[in-house]
Protein backbone atom coordinates (compact mmCIF):
# COMPACT_ATOMS: atom_id res chain seq x y z
CA MET A 1 62.59 -23.59 -19.46
CA LYS A 2 63.00 -26.25 -22.18
CA ASP A 3 59.57 -27.61 -21.25
CA ASN A 4 58.04 -24.20 -21.84
CA TYR A 5 59.46 -24.10 -25.34
CA LYS A 6 58.16 -27.58 -25.96
CA ALA A 7 54.66 -26.53 -24.90
CA PHE A 8 54.69 -23.92 -27.70
CA ASP A 9 56.13 -26.28 -30.28
CA GLN A 10 59.23 -24.12 -30.54
CA PRO A 11 62.82 -25.49 -30.80
CA TYR A 12 64.97 -24.58 -27.83
CA ASN A 13 67.67 -22.14 -28.99
CA GLY A 14 69.93 -22.71 -26.05
CA LYS A 15 69.02 -19.43 -24.35
CA ASP A 16 66.75 -18.90 -21.37
CA ASN A 17 64.39 -15.96 -22.02
CA ASP A 18 62.41 -14.33 -19.26
CA ASP A 19 59.60 -13.04 -21.49
CA TYR A 20 56.25 -14.46 -20.46
CA VAL A 21 52.83 -14.80 -22.00
CA ASN A 22 50.02 -15.99 -19.74
CA GLY A 23 52.60 -17.06 -17.14
CA GLN A 24 54.56 -19.37 -19.46
CA GLY A 25 58.02 -18.80 -20.86
CA PHE A 26 58.12 -18.13 -24.59
CA CYS A 27 60.99 -17.67 -27.03
CA CYS A 28 60.61 -14.17 -28.37
CA ASN A 29 63.83 -14.05 -30.41
CA ASP A 30 63.12 -16.79 -32.94
CA GLY A 31 61.79 -14.39 -35.56
CA THR A 32 58.37 -16.02 -35.91
CA PRO A 33 55.24 -13.83 -36.34
CA GLU A 34 53.66 -15.59 -33.36
CA ALA A 35 56.52 -14.59 -31.10
CA ALA A 36 56.42 -10.98 -32.26
CA GLN A 37 52.68 -10.82 -31.74
CA ALA A 38 52.96 -12.27 -28.24
CA ARG A 39 55.65 -9.75 -27.32
CA ALA A 40 53.55 -6.84 -28.61
CA MET A 41 50.45 -8.05 -26.79
CA ALA A 42 52.33 -8.35 -23.52
CA LYS A 43 53.47 -4.72 -23.76
CA THR A 44 50.02 -3.53 -24.85
CA ASN A 45 48.26 -5.35 -22.04
CA ALA A 46 50.60 -3.85 -19.47
CA SER A 47 50.04 -0.29 -20.72
CA THR A 48 46.29 -0.88 -21.05
CA ARG A 49 46.04 -2.13 -17.49
CA ALA A 50 47.84 0.96 -16.23
CA ALA A 51 45.58 3.26 -18.23
CA VAL A 52 42.42 1.49 -17.04
CA ASP A 53 43.54 1.59 -13.43
CA ASN A 54 44.11 5.33 -13.68
CA ASN A 55 40.69 5.95 -15.24
CA PHE A 56 38.56 4.36 -12.53
CA HIS A 57 37.34 6.32 -9.54
CA ASP A 58 36.75 5.18 -6.02
CA LYS A 59 33.38 3.41 -5.60
CA ASP A 60 32.13 6.20 -3.33
CA THR A 61 32.70 8.67 -6.15
CA TYR A 62 30.40 6.69 -8.45
CA GLU A 63 27.78 6.59 -5.71
CA LYS A 64 27.74 10.39 -5.70
CA MET A 65 27.38 10.51 -9.50
CA GLN A 66 23.72 9.46 -9.38
CA PHE A 67 21.15 11.85 -10.85
CA TYR A 68 17.36 11.84 -10.64
CA TYR A 69 15.03 13.05 -13.40
CA HIS A 70 11.91 15.03 -12.52
CA PRO A 71 9.66 15.14 -15.61
CA ASP A 72 6.80 17.45 -16.48
CA HIS A 73 3.37 16.25 -17.62
CA LEU A 74 4.81 15.27 -21.02
CA GLY A 75 7.64 13.24 -19.55
CA SER A 76 10.21 15.87 -20.56
CA SER A 77 13.18 16.33 -18.26
CA SER A 78 12.43 19.45 -16.25
CA TYR A 79 14.58 19.30 -13.13
CA ILE A 80 17.51 16.96 -12.54
CA THR A 81 18.81 16.56 -9.01
CA ASN A 82 21.85 14.87 -7.54
CA LEU A 83 22.07 12.35 -4.73
CA ASP A 84 21.71 15.11 -2.13
CA GLY A 85 18.56 16.52 -3.72
CA GLU A 86 20.33 19.59 -5.10
CA VAL A 87 19.22 20.81 -8.53
CA SER A 88 21.94 20.05 -11.07
CA GLN A 89 20.04 21.08 -14.18
CA HIS A 90 16.82 22.95 -15.00
CA ILE A 91 15.26 22.88 -18.47
CA GLU A 92 12.18 24.54 -19.96
CA TYR A 93 10.81 24.04 -23.47
CA VAL A 94 8.74 25.84 -26.06
CA PRO A 95 5.55 23.90 -26.93
CA PHE A 96 7.07 21.81 -29.74
CA GLY A 97 10.16 20.75 -27.82
CA GLU A 98 12.90 23.25 -28.55
CA VAL A 99 14.88 24.12 -25.42
CA PHE A 100 13.86 27.56 -24.13
CA ILE A 101 15.76 27.78 -20.83
CA GLU A 102 18.67 25.67 -19.62
CA GLU A 103 20.44 26.18 -16.31
CA ARG A 104 23.04 23.93 -14.71
CA ASN A 105 25.64 24.13 -11.98
CA ASN A 106 28.23 21.75 -13.43
CA THR A 107 29.61 20.48 -16.71
CA TRP A 108 27.44 17.35 -16.75
CA ASN A 109 24.57 17.58 -19.22
CA THR A 110 21.71 15.19 -19.97
CA LEU A 111 20.83 14.27 -23.54
CA TYR A 112 17.36 13.04 -22.58
CA LEU A 113 15.19 16.10 -22.96
CA PHE A 114 11.80 16.56 -24.68
CA ASN A 115 9.47 13.61 -23.97
CA ALA A 116 12.56 12.02 -22.36
CA LYS A 117 13.85 11.22 -25.86
CA GLU A 118 17.56 11.33 -26.62
CA PHE A 119 18.72 14.50 -28.33
CA ASP A 120 21.22 13.99 -31.15
CA GLU A 121 23.64 16.91 -30.86
CA GLU A 122 25.07 16.34 -34.35
CA THR A 123 21.73 16.67 -36.15
CA GLY A 124 19.79 18.71 -33.59
CA MET A 125 16.96 16.16 -33.74
CA TYR A 126 15.23 13.73 -31.40
CA TYR A 127 15.06 10.05 -32.22
CA TYR A 128 11.67 8.50 -31.44
CA GLY A 129 12.18 5.00 -32.82
CA ALA A 130 10.25 5.19 -36.07
CA ARG A 131 11.16 8.74 -37.09
CA TYR A 132 13.43 11.69 -36.35
CA TYR A 133 11.81 14.84 -34.99
CA GLU A 134 13.09 18.38 -35.62
CA PRO A 135 11.90 20.61 -32.74
CA ARG A 136 12.98 23.85 -34.45
CA LEU A 137 10.63 23.12 -37.35
CA SER A 138 8.02 21.34 -35.19
CA LEU A 139 7.95 18.60 -37.82
CA TRP A 140 8.89 14.98 -38.35
CA MET A 141 11.61 14.43 -40.92
CA SER A 142 9.70 11.62 -42.64
CA THR A 143 6.09 10.67 -43.24
CA ASP A 144 3.95 8.77 -40.76
CA PRO A 145 4.22 4.99 -41.40
CA LEU A 146 0.53 4.78 -40.47
CA GLN A 147 -0.63 7.82 -42.40
CA GLU A 148 -3.59 5.95 -43.89
CA LYS A 149 -5.15 5.81 -40.44
CA TYR A 150 -5.19 9.60 -40.08
CA PRO A 151 -6.08 11.10 -43.47
CA ASN A 152 -7.16 14.39 -41.87
CA ILE A 153 -3.76 14.99 -40.20
CA SER A 154 -0.54 15.97 -41.96
CA THR A 155 1.89 13.08 -42.11
CA TYR A 156 4.68 15.37 -40.85
CA CYS A 157 2.96 17.16 -37.96
CA TYR A 158 3.76 16.18 -34.40
CA ALA A 159 1.04 14.86 -32.03
CA ALA A 160 -1.81 16.22 -34.15
CA ASN A 161 -0.33 19.71 -33.65
CA THR A 162 -1.29 19.60 -29.96
CA PRO A 163 2.08 19.12 -28.23
CA ILE A 164 1.06 20.64 -24.90
CA LYS A 165 -1.50 17.89 -24.30
CA PHE A 166 -0.36 14.88 -26.29
CA ILE A 167 2.76 12.90 -27.03
CA ASP A 168 3.72 10.58 -29.85
CA SER A 169 5.66 7.92 -27.99
CA ASP A 170 7.51 6.40 -30.95
CA GLY A 171 6.62 8.55 -33.93
CA ARG A 172 4.13 6.12 -35.41
CA LYS A 173 0.62 6.50 -34.06
CA LEU A 174 -1.79 7.62 -31.39
CA LEU A 175 -4.13 4.97 -30.02
CA PHE A 176 -7.41 6.58 -30.99
CA ALA A 177 -10.47 4.41 -31.54
CA PRO A 178 -11.97 4.72 -35.02
CA GLY A 179 -15.40 6.33 -34.78
CA ALA A 180 -15.00 7.17 -31.10
CA THR A 181 -16.48 10.38 -29.76
CA GLU A 182 -14.20 13.32 -29.09
CA ALA A 183 -15.08 13.13 -25.40
CA PHE A 184 -13.93 9.52 -25.26
CA LYS A 185 -10.71 10.36 -27.12
CA GLN A 186 -9.94 13.10 -24.61
CA LYS A 187 -10.46 10.71 -21.69
CA PHE A 188 -8.32 8.06 -23.35
CA ARG A 189 -5.53 10.59 -23.90
CA ALA A 190 -5.80 11.66 -20.27
CA ALA A 191 -5.42 8.04 -19.15
CA ILE A 192 -2.39 7.47 -21.40
CA MET A 193 -0.77 10.67 -20.19
CA TYR A 194 -1.46 9.71 -16.58
CA LEU A 195 0.25 6.36 -17.11
CA HIS A 196 3.14 8.08 -18.86
CA THR A 197 3.77 10.62 -16.11
CA HIS A 198 3.82 7.79 -13.55
CA ASN A 199 6.21 5.67 -15.66
CA ALA A 200 3.52 3.03 -16.12
CA ASP A 201 2.89 3.31 -19.87
CA GLY A 202 5.18 0.49 -20.95
CA ILE A 203 2.38 -1.93 -21.83
CA ILE A 204 0.51 0.61 -23.95
CA ALA A 205 3.75 1.63 -25.67
CA GLN A 206 4.50 -1.98 -26.63
CA ILE A 207 1.00 -2.41 -28.06
CA ASP A 208 1.50 0.80 -30.01
CA LYS A 209 4.66 -0.62 -31.59
CA SER A 210 2.94 -3.82 -32.68
CA SER A 211 2.22 -4.38 -36.36
CA THR A 212 -1.27 -5.54 -35.37
CA ILE A 213 -3.90 -2.81 -35.08
CA ILE A 214 -5.70 -2.91 -31.74
CA TYR A 215 -8.85 -0.83 -31.40
CA ILE A 216 -10.02 0.99 -28.28
CA THR A 217 -13.80 1.15 -28.06
CA GLU A 218 -15.93 2.89 -25.48
CA ARG A 219 -18.09 0.69 -23.30
CA VAL A 220 -20.69 2.32 -21.07
CA GLY A 221 -21.99 0.67 -17.93
CA LYS A 222 -20.26 -2.66 -18.54
CA ALA A 223 -17.01 -4.16 -17.30
CA SER A 224 -13.95 -3.43 -19.42
CA ALA A 225 -12.61 -6.37 -21.42
CA PHE A 226 -10.36 -7.44 -24.29
CA SER A 227 -11.74 -9.31 -27.30
CA LYS A 228 -9.20 -11.37 -29.20
CA MET A 229 -11.71 -12.03 -31.98
CA LYS A 230 -12.27 -8.33 -32.67
CA LYS A 231 -8.81 -7.26 -31.50
CA THR A 232 -10.50 -4.62 -29.41
CA ILE A 233 -10.17 -3.29 -25.88
CA TYR A 234 -13.58 -2.33 -24.54
CA TRP A 235 -13.12 0.35 -21.90
CA ASP A 236 -15.42 2.49 -19.79
CA PRO A 237 -13.45 5.67 -18.96
CA ASN A 238 -15.75 6.44 -16.06
CA MET A 239 -15.82 3.07 -14.33
CA GLY A 240 -13.49 2.15 -11.51
CA VAL A 241 -13.40 -1.10 -9.53
CA LEU A 242 -13.78 -1.63 -5.79
CA THR A 243 -11.93 -4.88 -5.20
CA SER A 244 -12.65 -7.70 -2.79
CA SER A 245 -9.75 -6.41 -0.68
CA ASN A 246 -11.49 -3.02 -0.45
CA LYS A 247 -8.93 -1.32 -2.71
CA LYS A 248 -10.03 1.18 -5.34
CA MET A 249 -8.80 0.96 -8.92
CA SER A 250 -9.14 3.91 -11.27
CA PRO A 251 -10.43 3.49 -14.85
CA THR A 252 -6.83 4.09 -15.96
CA ALA A 253 -5.62 1.13 -13.90
CA VAL A 254 -8.43 -0.97 -15.38
CA LEU A 255 -7.35 0.07 -18.88
CA ASN A 256 -3.80 -1.09 -18.20
CA HIS A 257 -5.15 -4.39 -16.87
CA GLU A 258 -6.93 -5.07 -20.17
CA ALA A 259 -3.92 -3.81 -22.10
CA ASP A 260 -1.78 -6.49 -20.44
CA HIS A 261 -4.18 -9.18 -21.70
CA THR A 262 -3.86 -7.61 -25.14
CA LEU A 263 -0.08 -7.56 -25.07
CA GLN A 264 0.10 -11.19 -24.00
CA TYR A 265 -2.17 -12.12 -26.91
CA LEU A 266 0.06 -10.21 -29.33
CA ASN A 267 3.38 -11.52 -28.03
CA ASN A 268 2.48 -15.06 -26.98
CA SER A 269 -0.91 -16.08 -28.31
CA ASP A 270 -0.40 -19.78 -27.54
CA LYS A 271 0.33 -19.05 -23.89
CA TYR A 272 -2.60 -16.63 -23.79
CA GLU A 273 -4.95 -19.32 -25.09
CA GLN A 274 -3.58 -21.95 -22.74
CA ASP A 275 -3.83 -19.81 -19.62
CA SER A 276 -7.24 -18.40 -20.56
CA ASN A 277 -8.57 -21.96 -20.73
CA THR A 278 -6.92 -23.16 -17.53
CA PRO A 279 -9.30 -22.67 -14.57
CA ASP A 280 -8.11 -21.23 -11.29
CA PRO A 281 -10.18 -21.40 -8.08
CA ASP A 282 -9.38 -17.82 -7.04
CA TYR A 283 -8.73 -15.91 -10.26
CA ASN A 284 -11.15 -17.72 -12.62
CA ASP A 285 -8.29 -18.63 -14.96
CA LYS A 286 -4.49 -18.54 -15.11
CA GLU A 287 -4.40 -15.57 -17.47
CA GLU A 288 -6.30 -13.42 -14.97
CA MET A 289 -3.98 -14.63 -12.23
CA ARG A 290 -0.95 -13.60 -14.31
CA VAL A 291 -2.26 -10.08 -14.85
CA ILE A 292 -3.66 -9.50 -11.35
CA THR A 293 -0.57 -10.75 -9.52
CA GLY A 294 1.73 -9.03 -12.00
CA SER A 295 1.05 -5.81 -13.88
CA GLU A 296 -2.07 -4.90 -11.89
CA GLN A 297 0.01 -4.63 -8.73
CA LYS A 298 2.78 -2.65 -10.44
CA THR A 299 0.28 -0.26 -12.02
CA ALA A 300 -1.63 0.32 -8.79
CA LEU A 301 1.61 0.98 -6.92
CA ALA A 302 2.88 3.38 -9.60
CA LEU A 303 -0.44 5.28 -9.58
CA ASP A 304 -0.44 5.44 -5.75
CA GLU A 305 -3.62 3.37 -5.54
CA ILE A 306 -1.94 0.97 -3.12
CA SER A 307 1.00 1.38 -0.78
CA ALA A 308 4.17 -0.69 -0.67
CA GLY A 309 3.38 -4.12 0.77
CA GLU A 310 -0.31 -3.93 -0.16
CA VAL A 311 -2.10 -5.76 -2.98
CA THR A 312 -5.18 -4.78 -4.94
CA ARG A 313 -6.79 -8.19 -4.42
CA THR A 314 -6.08 -11.89 -4.20
CA ASP A 315 -8.83 -13.00 -6.57
CA HIS A 316 -10.75 -11.73 -9.59
CA ASN A 317 -13.61 -10.18 -7.64
CA GLY A 318 -14.70 -6.57 -7.56
CA ILE A 319 -17.67 -4.30 -8.10
CA PRO A 320 -17.83 -1.35 -10.52
CA TYR A 321 -18.52 2.24 -9.53
CA ILE A 322 -18.55 5.59 -11.33
CA THR A 323 -15.52 7.83 -10.80
CA LYS A 324 -15.09 11.58 -11.21
CA SER A 325 -12.56 11.12 -14.01
CA PRO A 326 -10.53 8.38 -15.74
CA THR A 327 -7.49 9.06 -13.56
CA THR A 328 -9.02 9.09 -10.09
CA THR A 329 -10.41 6.51 -7.68
CA GLU A 330 -12.78 9.06 -6.15
CA ALA A 331 -16.46 8.25 -6.62
CA LYS A 332 -18.42 10.73 -8.74
CA ASP A 333 -21.07 11.35 -6.08
CA GLY A 334 -18.60 10.99 -3.22
CA LYS A 335 -20.23 7.80 -2.01
CA MET A 336 -18.56 4.44 -2.42
CA PRO A 337 -20.80 1.42 -2.95
CA LYS A 338 -21.19 -1.17 -0.22
CA ASN A 339 -18.56 -3.85 -0.67
CA PRO A 340 -20.28 -7.26 -0.59
CA PHE A 341 -16.91 -8.98 -0.20
CA ILE A 342 -16.19 -7.30 3.13
CA MET A 343 -18.17 -8.59 6.10
CA ASP A 344 -19.55 -5.97 8.46
CA GLU A 345 -17.93 -6.00 11.87
CA ILE A 346 -20.29 -7.39 14.51
CA VAL A 347 -19.65 -6.26 18.06
CA ILE A 348 -20.97 -8.60 20.74
CA SER A 349 -21.05 -7.29 24.31
CA ALA A 350 -22.13 -9.01 27.49
CA PRO A 351 -25.41 -7.68 28.89
CA LYS A 352 -25.27 -5.68 32.09
CA SER A 353 -27.48 -6.77 34.98
CA LYS A 354 -28.48 -5.80 38.49
CA ASN A 355 -28.52 -7.97 41.60
CA VAL A 356 -27.40 -11.11 39.86
CA ASN A 357 -27.00 -14.10 42.13
CA PRO A 358 -24.75 -16.60 40.41
CA ASN A 359 -26.38 -19.37 42.41
CA ASN A 360 -29.88 -18.52 41.25
CA ASP A 361 -30.99 -20.08 37.97
CA ASN A 362 -33.94 -17.68 37.72
CA ASN A 363 -31.87 -14.51 37.49
CA GLU A 364 -33.19 -11.86 35.06
CA THR A 365 -30.84 -9.62 33.14
CA HIS A 366 -31.63 -6.07 32.06
CA ASN A 367 -29.72 -4.29 29.31
CA LYS A 368 -28.98 -0.62 29.74
């Protein structure tokens, strides 16, 4: 016991105390602040441990507390089911996001509602990142940080006053190409919405949050591409790609491919330059390899363009074809082009013959 006192630089008072801190004896009657603090902490820790132990459930209980969100076309929480597939909550909204119908069969309630944004119960608003949105007024509570880009739209209105079709992912901007036709804008919106509803819009959302303006420009009849010099994504909303592995990529998947190049340039320009100038025998360069083996596979899987275990391709080869819409892999005329990367199957069969004498070198064969 004396050694324990010595370890704490305390004089031994001739009494053996059985108070412990971290497993070592400590004199708690010497009147020092340190001793009083240690004694209080020991009692607090004991009560805290008991409280914590009583507040934890069995691990199987937590397993049953899983919920699954089923969004509508805007990403808003519509149905929420439990682990057994039973509906726990059902929510419907008026066009600008105010809750219209809410049904639930328990006390649990989600705060992620319109556009899957978190609802602040104290203010009655949604937080989008750059601004707060008031669904009862159908207005933002502050002006658009990028209002100079959209002089013909009120700086307070939500999604260009078209909330049934469009979303404003973070309250800052919509990725519309300056000078683009209305038809192109509609196809671009459809592609963004398609990515959003399949939880594959992360790349576009990150570009949207960048301080650098990236333009989306329509390209007709040419392969989609990203230009670092012009900070522009050139995209044909009607052109899909038939890959060398005979997989079909929609124009939306192609858009996300080019968006990944863009995001890498914005976030890590040195790495983008290095990889773009490093040749690769299969993918042309390391930057293409990064995108094709990475986000291209995730996007195609999310959009159901490949199945689990499949890949879109193992190189940078593919041929373009015209699709019915930006979000489909179906050819416009119903006819897919011939894939030059897939060899036709050649069936070789032995000829049939009559009266063949294996010992006669002059046998004649006759095909039927």
